[in-house]
Amino acid sequence: MASGMTKTQLTRSLAEKLGTNNKTAATFLETLADTAIKETKKNGVFVVPGLGRLVKAHRKARMGRNPQTGEPIQIKAKTVVKFRVAKAAKDSIAPKGK
């Protein structure tokens, strides 16, 4: 499996493109992450234009199965976070074939 960009590599790339230092770029990334978490918690959605949106969703309680024993178990309802990729990003990364 191919590995992605590390936080350090992302920080350096961002600093290079913006013509700033690594510390400023790292602060920007941390601020973006903190803002995304707080807004998703508060409003249920956080949009990164051109990339996608973080969405808070509710999962209903359901019956599951213990993979070791095979016996049915009750899975409780819970809140989860999903990331929905923007159409523009999806089309540029994996364009539909004709």
N, C-alpha and C. Protein backbone atom coordinates (compact mmCIF):
# COMPACT_ATOMS: atom_id res chain seq x y z
N MET A 1 0.84 -1.17 0.00
CA MET A 1 0.00 0.00 0.00
C MET A 1 0.89 1.24 0.00
N ALA A 2 0.58 2.17 -0.86
CA ALA A 2 1.37 3.40 -0.95
C ALA A 2 1.08 4.31 0.24
N SER A 3 2.14 4.94 0.74
CA SER A 3 1.93 5.83 1.87
C SER A 3 1.64 7.24 1.37
N GLY A 4 0.86 7.98 2.13
CA GLY A 4 0.51 9.34 1.76
C GLY A 4 1.54 10.32 2.26
N MET A 5 1.21 11.57 2.13
CA MET A 5 2.08 12.65 2.57
C MET A 5 2.05 12.75 4.09
N THR A 6 3.20 12.92 4.72
CA THR A 6 3.24 13.10 6.17
C THR A 6 2.90 14.55 6.50
N LYS A 7 2.66 14.80 7.78
CA LYS A 7 2.34 16.16 8.22
C LYS A 7 3.51 17.11 7.91
N THR A 8 4.72 16.65 8.12
CA THR A 8 5.91 17.47 7.85
C THR A 8 6.01 17.80 6.36
N GLN A 9 5.79 16.80 5.51
CA GLN A 9 5.84 17.03 4.07
C GLN A 9 4.76 18.00 3.63
N LEU A 10 3.56 17.84 4.18
CA LEU A 10 2.46 18.74 3.85
C LEU A 10 2.76 20.16 4.30
N THR A 11 3.32 20.30 5.49
CA THR A 11 3.69 21.62 6.01
C THR A 11 4.73 22.28 5.12
N ARG A 12 5.75 21.53 4.73
CA ARG A 12 6.80 22.08 3.86
C ARG A 12 6.25 22.50 2.51
N SER A 13 5.39 21.66 1.94
CA SER A 13 4.79 21.96 0.64
C SER A 13 3.94 23.23 0.71
N LEU A 14 3.15 23.33 1.75
CA LEU A 14 2.29 24.50 1.95
C LEU A 14 3.13 25.76 2.15
N ALA A 15 4.17 25.66 2.95
CA ALA A 15 5.05 26.81 3.20
C ALA A 15 5.74 27.26 1.91
N GLU A 16 6.16 26.30 1.11
CA GLU A 16 6.82 26.60 -0.17
C GLU A 16 5.88 27.35 -1.12
N LYS A 17 4.66 26.84 -1.25
CA LYS A 17 3.70 27.43 -2.18
C LYS A 17 3.23 28.81 -1.73
N LEU A 18 3.15 29.01 -0.42
CA LEU A 18 2.69 30.30 0.11
C LEU A 18 3.83 31.29 0.32
N GLY A 19 5.07 30.82 0.21
CA GLY A 19 6.22 31.68 0.42
C GLY A 19 6.35 32.13 1.87
N THR A 20 6.10 31.20 2.78
CA THR A 20 6.18 31.50 4.21
C THR A 20 7.07 30.44 4.87
N ASN A 21 7.20 30.52 6.20
CA ASN A 21 8.03 29.53 6.88
C ASN A 21 7.20 28.32 7.32
N ASN A 22 7.89 27.26 7.71
CA ASN A 22 7.22 26.01 8.11
C ASN A 22 6.35 26.20 9.35
N LYS A 23 6.78 27.05 10.27
CA LYS A 23 6.04 27.25 11.52
C LYS A 23 4.66 27.86 11.23
N THR A 24 4.62 28.83 10.33
CA THR A 24 3.35 29.47 9.97
C THR A 24 2.42 28.48 9.27
N ALA A 25 2.98 27.68 8.38
CA ALA A 25 2.19 26.68 7.67
C ALA A 25 1.64 25.63 8.65
N ALA A 26 2.46 25.21 9.62
CA ALA A 26 2.02 24.23 10.62
C ALA A 26 0.90 24.81 11.48
N THR A 27 1.04 26.09 11.84
CA THR A 27 0.00 26.76 12.63
C THR A 27 -1.30 26.83 11.85
N PHE A 28 -1.20 27.11 10.55
CA PHE A 28 -2.40 27.14 9.70
C PHE A 28 -3.10 25.79 9.68
N LEU A 29 -2.34 24.72 9.49
CA LEU A 29 -2.94 23.37 9.46
C LEU A 29 -3.61 23.01 10.78
N GLU A 30 -2.95 23.34 11.89
CA GLU A 30 -3.52 23.05 13.21
C GLU A 30 -4.80 23.86 13.44
N THR A 31 -4.79 25.12 13.02
CA THR A 31 -5.96 25.98 13.17
C THR A 31 -7.12 25.47 12.31
N LEU A 32 -6.81 25.03 11.09
CA LEU A 32 -7.84 24.48 10.21
C LEU A 32 -8.47 23.23 10.83
N ALA A 33 -7.63 22.34 11.37
CA ALA A 33 -8.13 21.12 11.99
C ALA A 33 -8.99 21.43 13.22
N ASP A 34 -8.52 22.36 14.07
CA ASP A 34 -9.29 22.74 15.26
C ASP A 34 -10.63 23.35 14.88
N THR A 35 -10.61 24.22 13.88
CA THR A 35 -11.85 24.86 13.43
C THR A 35 -12.81 23.83 12.87
N ALA A 36 -12.30 22.89 12.08
CA ALA A 36 -13.14 21.84 11.50
C ALA A 36 -13.81 21.01 12.59
N ILE A 37 -13.06 20.66 13.62
CA ILE A 37 -13.61 19.86 14.71
C ILE A 37 -14.67 20.63 15.47
N LYS A 38 -14.37 21.88 15.82
CA LYS A 38 -15.33 22.68 16.59
C LYS A 38 -16.61 22.94 15.81
N GLU A 39 -16.49 23.28 14.53
CA GLU A 39 -17.67 23.58 13.72
C GLU A 39 -18.52 22.33 13.46
N THR A 40 -17.87 21.19 13.24
CA THR A 40 -18.61 19.96 13.03
C THR A 40 -19.35 19.56 14.29
N LYS A 41 -18.70 19.74 15.44
CA LYS A 41 -19.33 19.45 16.72
C LYS A 41 -20.54 20.35 16.96
N LYS A 42 -20.36 21.64 16.65
CA LYS A 42 -21.38 22.64 16.93
C LYS A 42 -22.54 22.61 15.91
N ASN A 43 -22.22 22.63 14.62
CA ASN A 43 -23.24 22.76 13.57
C ASN A 43 -23.56 21.47 12.84
N GLY A 44 -22.74 20.44 13.02
CA GLY A 44 -22.98 19.18 12.35
C GLY A 44 -22.36 19.09 10.97
N VAL A 45 -21.77 20.19 10.47
CA VAL A 45 -21.14 20.16 9.15
C VAL A 45 -20.03 21.20 9.08
N PHE A 46 -18.95 20.87 8.36
CA PHE A 46 -17.86 21.80 8.10
C PHE A 46 -17.44 21.61 6.65
N VAL A 47 -17.47 22.68 5.86
CA VAL A 47 -17.16 22.60 4.44
C VAL A 47 -15.77 23.15 4.16
N VAL A 48 -14.98 22.38 3.42
CA VAL A 48 -13.70 22.84 2.89
C VAL A 48 -13.95 23.01 1.39
N PRO A 49 -14.14 24.25 0.92
CA PRO A 49 -14.50 24.47 -0.48
C PRO A 49 -13.51 23.80 -1.44
N GLY A 50 -14.07 23.09 -2.42
CA GLY A 50 -13.26 22.41 -3.42
C GLY A 50 -12.74 21.05 -2.99
N LEU A 51 -12.85 20.71 -1.72
CA LEU A 51 -12.34 19.44 -1.22
C LEU A 51 -13.47 18.53 -0.73
N GLY A 52 -14.33 19.04 0.13
CA GLY A 52 -15.43 18.24 0.65
C GLY A 52 -15.97 18.79 1.94
N ARG A 53 -16.72 17.96 2.64
CA ARG A 53 -17.33 18.39 3.90
C ARG A 53 -17.29 17.29 4.95
N LEU A 54 -17.07 17.71 6.19
CA LEU A 54 -17.18 16.82 7.34
C LEU A 54 -18.62 16.90 7.81
N VAL A 55 -19.26 15.76 8.00
CA VAL A 55 -20.66 15.73 8.39
C VAL A 55 -20.83 14.82 9.60
N LYS A 56 -21.52 15.33 10.61
CA LYS A 56 -21.85 14.53 11.79
C LYS A 56 -23.14 13.77 11.48
N ALA A 57 -23.13 12.45 11.64
CA ALA A 57 -24.29 11.63 11.32
C ALA A 57 -24.63 10.72 12.49
N HIS A 58 -25.90 10.35 12.58
CA HIS A 58 -26.37 9.46 13.64
C HIS A 58 -26.60 8.07 13.06
N ARG A 59 -26.04 7.06 13.71
CA ARG A 59 -26.26 5.67 13.32
C ARG A 59 -27.25 5.04 14.28
N LYS A 60 -28.25 4.39 13.74
CA LYS A 60 -29.26 3.73 14.56
C LYS A 60 -28.69 2.48 15.22
N ALA A 61 -29.34 2.06 16.29
CA ALA A 61 -28.98 0.80 16.94
C ALA A 61 -29.33 -0.33 15.98
N ARG A 62 -28.53 -1.42 16.01
CA ARG A 62 -28.77 -2.51 15.08
C ARG A 62 -28.23 -3.82 15.66
N MET A 63 -28.62 -4.88 15.03
CA MET A 63 -28.12 -6.20 15.42
C MET A 63 -26.85 -6.48 14.61
N GLY A 64 -25.84 -6.98 15.30
CA GLY A 64 -24.59 -7.34 14.65
C GLY A 64 -24.24 -8.78 14.97
N ARG A 65 -23.02 -9.17 14.68
CA ARG A 65 -22.60 -10.54 14.92
C ARG A 65 -21.18 -10.53 15.45
N ASN A 66 -20.94 -11.26 16.51
CA ASN A 66 -19.59 -11.41 17.06
C ASN A 66 -18.80 -12.28 16.08
N PRO A 67 -17.72 -11.74 15.47
CA PRO A 67 -17.00 -12.51 14.46
C PRO A 67 -16.30 -13.76 15.00
N GLN A 68 -15.98 -13.78 16.29
CA GLN A 68 -15.30 -14.97 16.86
C GLN A 68 -16.27 -16.10 17.16
N THR A 69 -17.42 -15.76 17.75
CA THR A 69 -18.36 -16.81 18.16
C THR A 69 -19.54 -16.95 17.22
N GLY A 70 -19.84 -15.92 16.44
CA GLY A 70 -20.97 -15.97 15.52
C GLY A 70 -22.29 -15.63 16.19
N GLU A 71 -22.29 -15.36 17.50
CA GLU A 71 -23.54 -15.07 18.18
C GLU A 71 -24.00 -13.63 17.91
N PRO A 72 -25.30 -13.40 17.81
CA PRO A 72 -25.82 -12.05 17.56
C PRO A 72 -25.61 -11.15 18.77
N ILE A 73 -25.28 -9.89 18.51
CA ILE A 73 -25.12 -8.90 19.58
C ILE A 73 -25.85 -7.63 19.18
N GLN A 74 -26.25 -6.87 20.17
CA GLN A 74 -26.92 -5.59 19.95
C GLN A 74 -25.86 -4.49 19.89
N ILE A 75 -25.83 -3.73 18.80
CA ILE A 75 -24.91 -2.61 18.67
C ILE A 75 -25.69 -1.34 18.97
N LYS A 76 -25.16 -0.54 19.90
CA LYS A 76 -25.85 0.67 20.34
C LYS A 76 -25.83 1.75 19.26
N ALA A 77 -26.79 2.67 19.35
CA ALA A 77 -26.82 3.83 18.46
C ALA A 77 -25.64 4.74 18.81
N LYS A 78 -25.09 5.41 17.81
CA LYS A 78 -23.98 6.31 18.09
C LYS A 78 -23.87 7.39 17.02
N THR A 79 -23.12 8.42 17.34
CA THR A 79 -22.86 9.51 16.41
C THR A 79 -21.49 9.29 15.79
N VAL A 80 -21.42 9.41 14.46
CA VAL A 80 -20.17 9.22 13.73
C VAL A 80 -19.89 10.44 12.85
N VAL A 81 -18.66 10.55 12.39
CA VAL A 81 -18.28 11.65 11.48
C VAL A 81 -17.92 11.04 10.14
N LYS A 82 -18.48 11.61 9.07
CA LYS A 82 -18.20 11.14 7.71
C LYS A 82 -17.59 12.29 6.92
N PHE A 83 -16.76 11.95 5.93
CA PHE A 83 -16.21 12.96 5.03
C PHE A 83 -16.79 12.69 3.66
N ARG A 84 -17.45 13.69 3.11
CA ARG A 84 -18.04 13.58 1.77
C ARG A 84 -17.20 14.41 0.81
N VAL A 85 -16.63 13.77 -0.17
CA VAL A 85 -15.75 14.43 -1.13
C VAL A 85 -16.57 15.27 -2.09
N ALA A 86 -16.08 16.48 -2.37
CA ALA A 86 -16.75 17.39 -3.30
C ALA A 86 -16.70 16.81 -4.71
N LYS A 87 -17.71 17.12 -5.50
CA LYS A 87 -17.80 16.60 -6.86
C LYS A 87 -16.60 17.03 -7.69
N ALA A 88 -16.16 18.28 -7.56
CA ALA A 88 -15.01 18.77 -8.33
C ALA A 88 -13.75 17.98 -8.00
N ALA A 89 -13.53 17.69 -6.73
CA ALA A 89 -12.35 16.91 -6.32
C ALA A 89 -12.45 15.48 -6.83
N LYS A 90 -13.62 14.90 -6.69
CA LYS A 90 -13.84 13.53 -7.14
C LYS A 90 -13.60 13.39 -8.64
N ASP A 91 -14.13 14.35 -9.43
CA ASP A 91 -13.98 14.29 -10.88
C ASP A 91 -12.54 14.52 -11.32
N SER A 92 -11.78 15.34 -10.60
CA SER A 92 -10.39 15.58 -11.00
C SER A 92 -9.47 14.43 -10.58
N ILE A 93 -9.80 13.74 -9.50
CA ILE A 93 -8.98 12.62 -9.04
C ILE A 93 -9.30 11.34 -9.83
N ALA A 94 -10.57 11.06 -9.98
CA ALA A 94 -10.99 9.84 -10.68
C ALA A 94 -12.09 10.18 -11.69
N PRO A 95 -11.71 10.71 -12.86
CA PRO A 95 -12.73 11.07 -13.85
C PRO A 95 -13.48 9.85 -14.36
N LYS A 96 -14.74 10.05 -14.67
CA LYS A 96 -15.55 8.95 -15.20
C LYS A 96 -15.09 8.60 -16.60
N GLY A 97 -14.97 7.31 -16.88
CA GLY A 97 -14.58 6.85 -18.21
C GLY A 97 -15.75 6.91 -19.16
N LYS A 98 -15.46 7.05 -20.43
CA LYS A 98 -16.56 7.14 -21.43
C LYS A 98 -16.94 5.80 -21.94
